[in-house]
Amino acid sequence: MTVDFIPFANLDGISIAVVVAVYFFAFFIRGIIGFGSALPAVLVSAWILPPHDAVLLALLTSVFAQVQLLPQGYREANWKIAKPMLAGTIVSIIVGVWIFASLSAAWLTIVLGLVLSAAVLADMVRLAERLAEKLRLDGVAVAFWLAALAGLIAGVAGAGAQYFISFYIRWAAPTPREFRATNIVISGFMALWRAVVTLAAGLITIKLTVEAMLIMPAAYAGAWGGRKLAGRLSPERYFGLFRWFLLIAAAALIWKGTAALN
């Protein structure tokens, strides 16, 4: 067996432990609010792994995690808005994955930093909610095109898409249970469809698949812990500092990618 098939072959023990810890924490957040694991996973692991690998590893772990979350999401989701949103992601994810595959490592690092920092900033200043005051949210077209934008972001950056559409889902599915379930369905479909597209493009390797499987026990444990606390914690209260951490990490990625170009 060549080194290309050995999981985490180029990482030392400390780096592997950091990656595992990041995924535990990322999926803890996902267990609480129903989405959000990919953003911290990509931002932090991109400092340790090649950026393309960081995005694809986050994708594979998200797909594996749906085994836990999708059944509940399917039963409780608001399918009236979920259906047009799922339709809106089909083509845009294909385009996003094509852009992702075309970028060099340095440029992808910069794009990750820009896109994910924009996602965090939009969430921090409630940009989407402010725009919603000027939009008619009761039309199917709004759901479709918002999801299409999210799919493009997911295809390129592998994270941050839900931050651009969560305000709409919150409006259409106002109860905490329905909001969480609808988020699970949409993020789960996007992950599964991205996996199909990236697999067809030949981007998913045996090595990445094995690495994702090795990380999943920590991810499952984090998601389980998050689900146990779901409804007891206020995201606004407990994740304010977390957003600042994500923003700093995204800005650092922009610096890292820019330095790599020189």
C-alpha atoms as a PDB file:
ATOM      1  CA  MET A   1       0.000   0.000   0.000  1.00  0.00           C
ATOM      2  CA  THR A   2       1.404   3.392  -0.958  1.00  0.00           C
ATOM      3  CA  VAL A   3       1.516   6.385   1.330  1.00  0.00           C
ATOM      4  CA  ASP A   4      -1.269   8.012  -0.720  1.00  0.00           C
ATOM      5  CA  PHE A   5      -3.745   5.589   0.823  1.00  0.00           C
ATOM      6  CA  ILE A   6      -2.584   5.931   4.434  1.00  0.00           C
ATOM      7  CA  PRO A   7      -4.933   8.248   6.376  1.00  0.00           C
ATOM      8  CA  PHE A   8      -3.361  11.432   7.758  1.00  0.00           C
ATOM      9  CA  ALA A   9       0.027  10.231   6.461  1.00  0.00           C
ATOM     10  CA  ASN A  10       1.547  13.724   6.507  1.00  0.00           C
ATOM     11  CA  LEU A  11       0.290  14.767   9.948  1.00  0.00           C
ATOM     12  CA  ASP A  12       1.818  14.257  13.369  1.00  0.00           C
ATOM     13  CA  GLY A  13      -0.159  13.060  16.386  1.00  0.00           C
ATOM     14  CA  ILE A  14      -0.907  16.552  17.705  1.00  0.00           C
ATOM     15  CA  SER A  15      -2.268  17.723  14.352  1.00  0.00           C
ATOM     16  CA  ILE A  16      -4.513  14.669  14.090  1.00  0.00           C
ATOM     17  CA  ALA A  17      -5.790  15.261  17.634  1.00  0.00           C
ATOM     18  CA  VAL A  18      -6.604  18.887  16.757  1.00  0.00           C
ATOM     19  CA  VAL A  19      -8.568  17.817  13.680  1.00  0.00           C
ATOM     20  CA  VAL A  20     -10.544  15.281  15.728  1.00  0.00           C
ATOM     21  CA  ALA A  21     -11.270  17.862  18.446  1.00  0.00           C
ATOM     22  CA  VAL A  22     -12.408  20.392  15.861  1.00  0.00           C
ATOM     23  CA  TYR A  23     -14.896  17.922  14.425  1.00  0.00           C
ATOM     24  CA  PHE A  24     -16.234  17.030  17.869  1.00  0.00           C
ATOM     25  CA  PHE A  25     -16.911  20.699  18.602  1.00  0.00           C
ATOM     26  CA  ALA A  26     -18.256  21.401  15.102  1.00  0.00           C
ATOM     27  CA  PHE A  27     -20.789  18.592  15.319  1.00  0.00           C
ATOM     28  CA  PHE A  28     -21.698  19.586  18.864  1.00  0.00           C
ATOM     29  CA  ILE A  29     -22.906  22.852  17.343  1.00  0.00           C
ATOM     30  CA  ARG A  30     -24.682  20.967  14.585  1.00  0.00           C
ATOM     31  CA  GLY A  31     -26.487  18.856  17.165  1.00  0.00           C
ATOM     32  CA  ILE A  32     -27.801  21.972  18.884  1.00  0.00           C
ATOM     33  CA  ILE A  33     -29.010  24.050  15.943  1.00  0.00           C
ATOM     34  CA  GLY A  34     -29.255  21.477  13.121  1.00  0.00           C
ATOM     35  CA  PHE A  35     -26.517  22.940  10.920  1.00  0.00           C
ATOM     36  CA  GLY A  36     -23.190  24.760  11.133  1.00  0.00           C
ATOM     37  CA  SER A  37     -20.649  21.950  11.471  1.00  0.00           C
ATOM     38  CA  ALA A  38     -18.878  22.546   8.164  1.00  0.00           C
ATOM     39  CA  LEU A  39     -17.898  26.167   8.740  1.00  0.00           C
ATOM     40  CA  PRO A  40     -15.674  25.721  11.823  1.00  0.00           C
ATOM     41  CA  ALA A  41     -14.440  22.365  10.490  1.00  0.00           C
ATOM     42  CA  VAL A  42     -13.256  23.892   7.208  1.00  0.00           C
ATOM     43  CA  LEU A  43     -11.856  27.076   8.721  1.00  0.00           C
ATOM     44  CA  VAL A  44      -9.674  25.309  11.282  1.00  0.00           C
ATOM     45  CA  SER A  45      -8.710  22.165   9.388  1.00  0.00           C
ATOM     46  CA  ALA A  46      -7.636  24.236   6.353  1.00  0.00           C
ATOM     47  CA  TRP A  47      -4.665  25.328   8.476  1.00  0.00           C
ATOM     48  CA  ILE A  48      -3.641  21.709   8.955  1.00  0.00           C
ATOM     49  CA  LEU A  49      -4.776  20.008   5.738  1.00  0.00           C
ATOM     50  CA  PRO A  50      -4.568  21.078   2.076  1.00  0.00           C
ATOM     51  CA  PRO A  51      -7.589  23.351   1.470  1.00  0.00           C
ATOM     52  CA  HIS A  52      -9.247  21.035  -1.051  1.00  0.00           C
ATOM     53  CA  ASP A  53      -8.900  18.124   1.414  1.00  0.00           C
ATOM     54  CA  ALA A  54     -10.310  20.256   4.241  1.00  0.00           C
ATOM     55  CA  VAL A  55     -13.455  21.021   2.229  1.00  0.00           C
ATOM     56  CA  LEU A  56     -13.931  17.441   1.026  1.00  0.00           C
ATOM     57  CA  LEU A  57     -13.353  15.978   4.486  1.00  0.00           C
ATOM     58  CA  ALA A  58     -16.041  18.283   5.885  1.00  0.00           C
ATOM     59  CA  LEU A  59     -18.339  17.134   3.093  1.00  0.00           C
ATOM     60  CA  LEU A  60     -17.823  13.432   3.779  1.00  0.00           C
ATOM     61  CA  THR A  61     -18.343  13.776   7.521  1.00  0.00           C
ATOM     62  CA  SER A  62     -21.522  15.779   6.886  1.00  0.00           C
ATOM     63  CA  VAL A  63     -22.831  12.998   4.653  1.00  0.00           C
ATOM     64  CA  PHE A  64     -22.052  10.317   7.249  1.00  0.00           C
ATOM     65  CA  ALA A  65     -23.741  12.400   9.956  1.00  0.00           C
ATOM     66  CA  GLN A  66     -27.084  12.434   8.128  1.00  0.00           C
ATOM     67  CA  VAL A  67     -27.633   8.871   9.323  1.00  0.00           C
ATOM     68  CA  GLN A  68     -28.227  10.375  12.761  1.00  0.00           C
ATOM     69  CA  LEU A  69     -30.170  13.486  11.862  1.00  0.00           C
ATOM     70  CA  LEU A  70     -32.138  12.954   8.634  1.00  0.00           C
ATOM     71  CA  PRO A  71     -34.925  10.705  10.007  1.00  0.00           C
ATOM     72  CA  GLN A  72     -35.966  13.334  12.532  1.00  0.00           C
ATOM     73  CA  GLY A  73     -35.627  16.097   9.951  1.00  0.00           C
ATOM     74  CA  TYR A  74     -37.744  14.225   7.408  1.00  0.00           C
ATOM     75  CA  ARG A  75     -40.609  13.769   9.865  1.00  0.00           C
ATOM     76  CA  GLU A  76     -40.735  17.320  11.194  1.00  0.00           C
ATOM     77  CA  ALA A  77     -39.551  19.537   8.312  1.00  0.00           C
ATOM     78  CA  ASN A  78     -41.685  22.152   6.571  1.00  0.00           C
ATOM     79  CA  TRP A  79     -41.832  20.545   3.129  1.00  0.00           C
ATOM     80  CA  LYS A  80     -43.759  23.439   1.596  1.00  0.00           C
ATOM     81  CA  ILE A  81     -40.571  25.508   1.568  1.00  0.00           C
ATOM     82  CA  ALA A  82     -38.097  22.624   1.557  1.00  0.00           C
ATOM     83  CA  LYS A  83     -39.113  21.359  -1.893  1.00  0.00           C
ATOM     84  CA  PRO A  84     -38.415  24.574  -3.891  1.00  0.00           C
ATOM     85  CA  MET A  85     -35.238  25.134  -1.898  1.00  0.00           C
ATOM     86  CA  LEU A  86     -33.961  21.662  -2.695  1.00  0.00           C
ATOM     87  CA  ALA A  87     -34.739  22.238  -6.375  1.00  0.00           C
ATOM     88  CA  GLY A  88     -32.801  25.498  -6.304  1.00  0.00           C
ATOM     89  CA  THR A  89     -29.579  23.802  -5.204  1.00  0.00           C
ATOM     90  CA  ILE A  90     -29.348  21.154  -7.925  1.00  0.00           C
ATOM     91  CA  VAL A  91     -27.658  23.161 -10.698  1.00  0.00           C
ATOM     92  CA  SER A  92     -25.883  25.703  -8.495  1.00  0.00           C
ATOM     93  CA  ILE A  93     -24.023  23.006  -6.576  1.00  0.00           C
ATOM     94  CA  ILE A  94     -22.727  21.558  -9.850  1.00  0.00           C
ATOM     95  CA  VAL A  95     -21.422  24.990 -10.862  1.00  0.00           C
ATOM     96  CA  GLY A  96     -19.908  25.534  -7.417  1.00  0.00           C
ATOM     97  CA  VAL A  97     -18.082  22.199  -7.422  1.00  0.00           C
ATOM     98  CA  TRP A  98     -16.682  22.979 -10.887  1.00  0.00           C
ATOM     99  CA  ILE A  99     -15.296  26.295  -9.582  1.00  0.00           C
ATOM    100  CA  PHE A 100     -13.917  24.524  -6.503  1.00  0.00           C
ATOM    101  CA  ALA A 101     -12.067  21.950  -8.615  1.00  0.00           C
ATOM    102  CA  SER A 102     -10.660  24.662 -10.892  1.00  0.00           C
ATOM    103  CA  LEU A 103      -9.037  26.746  -8.142  1.00  0.00           C
ATOM    104  CA  SER A 104      -5.430  26.283  -7.059  1.00  0.00           C
ATOM    105  CA  ALA A 105      -4.713  25.632  -3.384  1.00  0.00           C
ATOM    106  CA  ALA A 106      -3.654  29.245  -2.758  1.00  0.00           C
ATOM    107  CA  TRP A 107      -6.670  30.752  -4.496  1.00  0.00           C
ATOM    108  CA  LEU A 108      -9.036  28.308  -2.816  1.00  0.00           C
ATOM    109  CA  THR A 109      -7.625  29.343   0.566  1.00  0.00           C
ATOM    110  CA  ILE A 110      -8.338  32.992  -0.247  1.00  0.00           C
ATOM    111  CA  VAL A 111     -11.834  32.199  -1.533  1.00  0.00           C
ATOM    112  CA  LEU A 112     -12.593  30.157   1.595  1.00  0.00           C
ATOM    113  CA  GLY A 113     -11.529  33.056   3.782  1.00  0.00           C
ATOM    114  CA  LEU A 114     -13.565  35.601   1.796  1.00  0.00           C
ATOM    115  CA  VAL A 115     -16.734  33.543   1.481  1.00  0.00           C
ATOM    116  CA  LEU A 116     -16.764  32.260   5.038  1.00  0.00           C
ATOM    117  CA  SER A 117     -15.934  35.633   6.563  1.00  0.00           C
ATOM    118  CA  ALA A 118     -18.822  37.101   4.544  1.00  0.00           C
ATOM    119  CA  ALA A 119     -21.095  34.376   5.917  1.00  0.00           C
ATOM    120  CA  VAL A 120     -20.077  35.092   9.506  1.00  0.00           C
ATOM    121  CA  LEU A 121     -20.368  38.874   9.076  1.00  0.00           C
ATOM    122  CA  ALA A 122     -23.801  38.521   7.488  1.00  0.00           C
ATOM    123  CA  ASP A 123     -24.892  36.443  10.465  1.00  0.00           C
ATOM    124  CA  MET A 124     -23.395  38.853  13.015  1.00  0.00           C
ATOM    125  CA  VAL A 125     -25.055  41.988  11.618  1.00  0.00           C
ATOM    126  CA  ARG A 126     -28.315  40.210  10.732  1.00  0.00           C
ATOM    127  CA  LEU A 127     -27.939  41.307   7.114  1.00  0.00           C
ATOM    128  CA  ALA A 128     -30.333  38.672   5.833  1.00  0.00           C
ATOM    129  CA  GLU A 129     -33.064  39.692   8.265  1.00  0.00           C
ATOM    130  CA  ARG A 130     -32.689  43.325   7.223  1.00  0.00           C
ATOM    131  CA  LEU A 131     -32.972  42.426   3.565  1.00  0.00           C
ATOM    132  CA  ALA A 132     -35.989  40.279   4.384  1.00  0.00           C
ATOM    133  CA  GLU A 133     -37.848  43.399   5.480  1.00  0.00           C
ATOM    134  CA  LYS A 134     -37.722  44.576   1.853  1.00  0.00           C
ATOM    135  CA  LEU A 135     -38.562  41.231   0.242  1.00  0.00           C
ATOM    136  CA  ARG A 136     -41.798  39.340  -0.151  1.00  0.00           C
ATOM    137  CA  LEU A 137     -40.978  36.025   1.432  1.00  0.00           C
ATOM    138  CA  ASP A 138     -44.209  34.271   0.564  1.00  0.00           C
ATOM    139  CA  GLY A 139     -43.224  33.505  -3.040  1.00  0.00           C
ATOM    140  CA  VAL A 140     -41.755  30.196  -4.216  1.00  0.00           C
ATOM    141  CA  ALA A 141     -39.197  32.079  -6.316  1.00  0.00           C
ATOM    142  CA  VAL A 142     -37.625  33.592  -3.190  1.00  0.00           C
ATOM    143  CA  ALA A 143     -37.033  30.154  -1.685  1.00  0.00           C
ATOM    144  CA  PHE A 144     -35.669  28.824  -4.979  1.00  0.00           C
ATOM    145  CA  TRP A 145     -33.146  31.594  -5.639  1.00  0.00           C
ATOM    146  CA  LEU A 146     -31.979  31.878  -2.044  1.00  0.00           C
ATOM    147  CA  ALA A 147     -31.258  28.158  -2.087  1.00  0.00           C
ATOM    148  CA  ALA A 148     -29.521  28.475  -5.466  1.00  0.00           C
ATOM    149  CA  LEU A 149     -27.149  31.061  -3.958  1.00  0.00           C
ATOM    150  CA  ALA A 150     -26.560  28.815  -0.965  1.00  0.00           C
ATOM    151  CA  GLY A 151     -25.835  25.864  -3.236  1.00  0.00           C
ATOM    152  CA  LEU A 152     -23.231  27.851  -5.159  1.00  0.00           C
ATOM    153  CA  ILE A 153     -21.529  28.836  -1.904  1.00  0.00           C
ATOM    154  CA  ALA A 154     -21.633  25.252  -0.656  1.00  0.00           C
ATOM    155  CA  GLY A 155     -20.180  23.931  -3.883  1.00  0.00           C
ATOM    156  CA  VAL A 156     -17.240  26.346  -3.823  1.00  0.00           C
ATOM    157  CA  ALA A 157     -16.473  26.758  -0.113  1.00  0.00           C
ATOM    158  CA  GLY A 158     -18.113  23.694   1.392  1.00  0.00           C
ATOM    159  CA  ALA A 159     -19.520  25.738   4.273  1.00  0.00           C
ATOM    160  CA  GLY A 160     -21.430  28.868   5.207  1.00  0.00           C
ATOM    161  CA  ALA A 161     -24.407  28.289   2.916  1.00  0.00           C
ATOM    162  CA  GLN A 162     -26.940  27.824   5.710  1.00  0.00           C
ATOM    163  CA  TYR A 163     -26.082  31.217   7.174  1.00  0.00           C
ATOM    164  CA  PHE A 164     -27.492  32.858   4.041  1.00  0.00           C
ATOM    165  CA  ILE A 165     -30.798  30.990   4.097  1.00  0.00           C
ATOM    166  CA  SER A 166     -31.460  30.353   7.786  1.00  0.00           C
ATOM    167  CA  PHE A 167     -33.349  33.655   8.121  1.00  0.00           C
ATOM    168  CA  TYR A 168     -35.840  32.510   5.495  1.00  0.00           C
ATOM    169  CA  ILE A 169     -36.263  29.109   7.100  1.00  0.00           C
ATOM    170  CA  ARG A 170     -36.751  30.831  10.465  1.00  0.00           C
ATOM    171  CA  TRP A 171     -39.526  32.936   8.924  1.00  0.00           C
ATOM    172  CA  ALA A 172     -41.232  29.988   7.205  1.00  0.00           C
ATOM    173  CA  ALA A 173     -40.684  27.516  10.054  1.00  0.00           C
ATOM    174  CA  PRO A 174     -40.909  29.668  13.190  1.00  0.00           C
ATOM    175  CA  THR A 175     -41.069  26.972  15.861  1.00  0.00           C
ATOM    176  CA  PRO A 176     -37.671  25.731  17.104  1.00  0.00           C
ATOM    177  CA  ARG A 177     -38.461  22.106  16.280  1.00  0.00           C
ATOM    178  CA  GLU A 178     -39.644  22.829  12.733  1.00  0.00           C
ATOM    179  CA  PHE A 179     -36.781  25.262  12.087  1.00  0.00           C
ATOM    180  CA  ARG A 180     -34.187  22.726  13.181  1.00  0.00           C
ATOM    181  CA  ALA A 181     -35.789  19.880  11.194  1.00  0.00           C
ATOM    182  CA  THR A 182     -36.051  21.933   8.001  1.00  0.00           C
ATOM    183  CA  ASN A 183     -32.416  22.992   8.335  1.00  0.00           C
ATOM    184  CA  ILE A 184     -31.443  19.339   8.722  1.00  0.00           C
ATOM    185  CA  VAL A 185     -33.307  18.320   5.559  1.00  0.00           C
ATOM    186  CA  ILE A 186     -31.882  21.108   3.410  1.00  0.00           C
ATOM    187  CA  SER A 187     -28.305  20.840   4.666  1.00  0.00           C
ATOM    188  CA  GLY A 188     -28.509  17.049   4.415  1.00  0.00           C
ATOM    189  CA  PHE A 189     -29.689  17.124   0.797  1.00  0.00           C
ATOM    190  CA  MET A 190     -27.028  19.665  -0.127  1.00  0.00           C
ATOM    191  CA  ALA A 191     -24.332  17.481   1.414  1.00  0.00           C
ATOM    192  CA  LEU A 192     -25.588  14.336  -0.310  1.00  0.00           C
ATOM    193  CA  TRP A 193     -25.911  16.033  -3.705  1.00  0.00           C
ATOM    194  CA  ARG A 194     -22.454  17.622  -3.376  1.00  0.00           C
ATOM    195  CA  ALA A 195     -21.064  14.191  -2.565  1.00  0.00           C
ATOM    196  CA  VAL A 196     -22.603  12.763  -5.734  1.00  0.00           C
ATOM    197  CA  VAL A 197     -21.236  15.626  -7.861  1.00  0.00           C
ATOM    198  CA  THR A 198     -17.731  15.526  -6.356  1.00  0.00           C
ATOM    199  CA  LEU A 199     -17.626  11.750  -6.663  1.00  0.00           C
ATOM    200  CA  ALA A 200     -18.608  11.993 -10.325  1.00  0.00           C
ATOM    201  CA  ALA A 201     -15.847  14.579 -10.791  1.00  0.00           C
ATOM    202  CA  GLY A 202     -13.287  12.177  -9.314  1.00  0.00           C
ATOM    203  CA  LEU A 203     -12.464  14.423  -6.359  1.00  0.00           C
ATOM    204  CA  ILE A 204     -13.209  11.978  -3.538  1.00  0.00           C
ATOM    205  CA  THR A 205     -10.381   9.535  -2.834  1.00  0.00           C
ATOM    206  CA  ILE A 206     -10.120   6.379  -0.751  1.00  0.00           C
ATOM    207  CA  LYS A 207      -7.739   8.188   1.609  1.00  0.00           C
ATOM    208  CA  LEU A 208     -10.247  10.987   2.291  1.00  0.00           C
ATOM    209  CA  THR A 209     -13.043   8.488   2.803  1.00  0.00           C
ATOM    210  CA  VAL A 210     -11.024   6.539   5.362  1.00  0.00           C
ATOM    211  CA  GLU A 211     -10.047   9.758   7.155  1.00  0.00           C
ATOM    212  CA  ALA A 212     -13.695  10.792   7.379  1.00  0.00           C
ATOM    213  CA  MET A 213     -14.637   7.381   8.798  1.00  0.00           C
ATOM    214  CA  LEU A 214     -11.930   7.687  11.451  1.00  0.00           C
ATOM    215  CA  ILE A 215     -13.190  11.121  12.472  1.00  0.00           C
ATOM    216  CA  MET A 216     -16.845  10.104  12.643  1.00  0.00           C
ATOM    217  CA  PRO A 217     -16.802   8.656  16.209  1.00  0.00           C
ATOM    218  CA  ALA A 218     -15.817  12.096  17.506  1.00  0.00           C
ATOM    219  CA  ALA A 219     -18.367  13.768  15.238  1.00  0.00           C
ATOM    220  CA  TYR A 220     -21.140  11.411  16.371  1.00  0.00           C
ATOM    221  CA  ALA A 221     -20.232  12.029  20.004  1.00  0.00           C
ATOM    222  CA  GLY A 222     -20.345  15.788  19.475  1.00  0.00           C
ATOM    223  CA  ALA A 223     -23.697  15.616  17.652  1.00  0.00           C
ATOM    224  CA  TRP A 224     -25.137  13.420  20.417  1.00  0.00           C
ATOM    225  CA  GLY A 225     -24.031  15.886  23.086  1.00  0.00           C
ATOM    226  CA  GLY A 226     -25.448  18.798  21.109  1.00  0.00           C
ATOM    227  CA  ARG A 227     -28.816  17.097  20.652  1.00  0.00           C
ATOM    228  CA  LYS A 228     -29.018  16.467  24.391  1.00  0.00           C
ATOM    229  CA  LEU A 229     -28.592  20.184  25.015  1.00  0.00           C
ATOM    230  CA  ALA A 230     -30.734  21.390  22.098  1.00  0.00           C
ATOM    231  CA  GLY A 231     -33.390  23.757  23.386  1.00  0.00           C
ATOM    232  CA  ARG A 232     -31.572  24.361  26.671  1.00  0.00           C
ATOM    233  CA  LEU A 233     -28.891  26.667  25.310  1.00  0.00           C
ATOM    234  CA  SER A 234     -29.429  30.031  23.655  1.00  0.00           C
ATOM    235  CA  PRO A 235     -27.301  30.268  20.497  1.00  0.00           C
ATOM    236  CA  GLU A 236     -27.238  34.047  20.813  1.00  0.00           C
ATOM    237  CA  ARG A 237     -25.821  33.858  24.323  1.00  0.00           C
ATOM    238  CA  TYR A 238     -23.333  31.054  23.954  1.00  0.00           C
ATOM    239  CA  PHE A 239     -22.089  31.467  20.372  1.00  0.00           C
ATOM    240  CA  GLY A 240     -21.353  35.191  20.258  1.00  0.00           C
ATOM    241  CA  LEU A 241     -17.658  34.660  20.966  1.00  0.00           C
ATOM    242  CA  PHE A 242     -17.692  31.666  18.638  1.00  0.00           C
ATOM    243  CA  ARG A 243     -18.670  33.933  15.737  1.00  0.00           C
ATOM    244  CA  TRP A 244     -15.720  36.196  16.460  1.00  0.00           C
ATOM    245  CA  PHE A 245     -13.439  33.173  16.480  1.00  0.00           C
ATOM    246  CA  LEU A 246     -14.761  32.131  13.065  1.00  0.00           C
ATOM    247  CA  LEU A 247     -14.290  35.633  11.679  1.00  0.00           C
ATOM    248  CA  ILE A 248     -10.672  35.796  12.855  1.00  0.00           C
ATOM    249  CA  ALA A 249     -10.000  32.338  11.447  1.00  0.00           C
ATOM    250  CA  ALA A 250     -11.480  33.349   8.078  1.00  0.00           C
ATOM    251  CA  ALA A 251      -9.378  36.524   7.953  1.00  0.00           C
ATOM    252  CA  ALA A 252      -6.292  34.471   8.766  1.00  0.00           C
ATOM    253  CA  LEU A 253      -7.049  32.154   5.850  1.00  0.00           C
ATOM    254  CA  ILE A 254      -7.155  35.137   3.486  1.00  0.00           C
ATOM    255  CA  TRP A 255      -3.710  36.133   4.767  1.00  0.00           C
ATOM    256  CA  LYS A 256      -2.412  32.592   4.382  1.00  0.00           C
ATOM    257  CA  GLY A 257      -3.638  32.263   0.805  1.00  0.00           C
ATOM    258  CA  THR A 258      -2.309  35.674  -0.178  1.00  0.00           C
ATOM    259  CA  ALA A 259       1.108  34.824   1.257  1.00  0.00           C
ATOM    260  CA  ALA A 260       1.140  31.564  -0.715  1.00  0.00           C
ATOM    261  CA  LEU A 261       0.666  33.501  -3.974  1.00  0.00           C
ATOM    262  CA  ASN A 262       3.839  35.508  -3.383  1.00  0.00           C
END
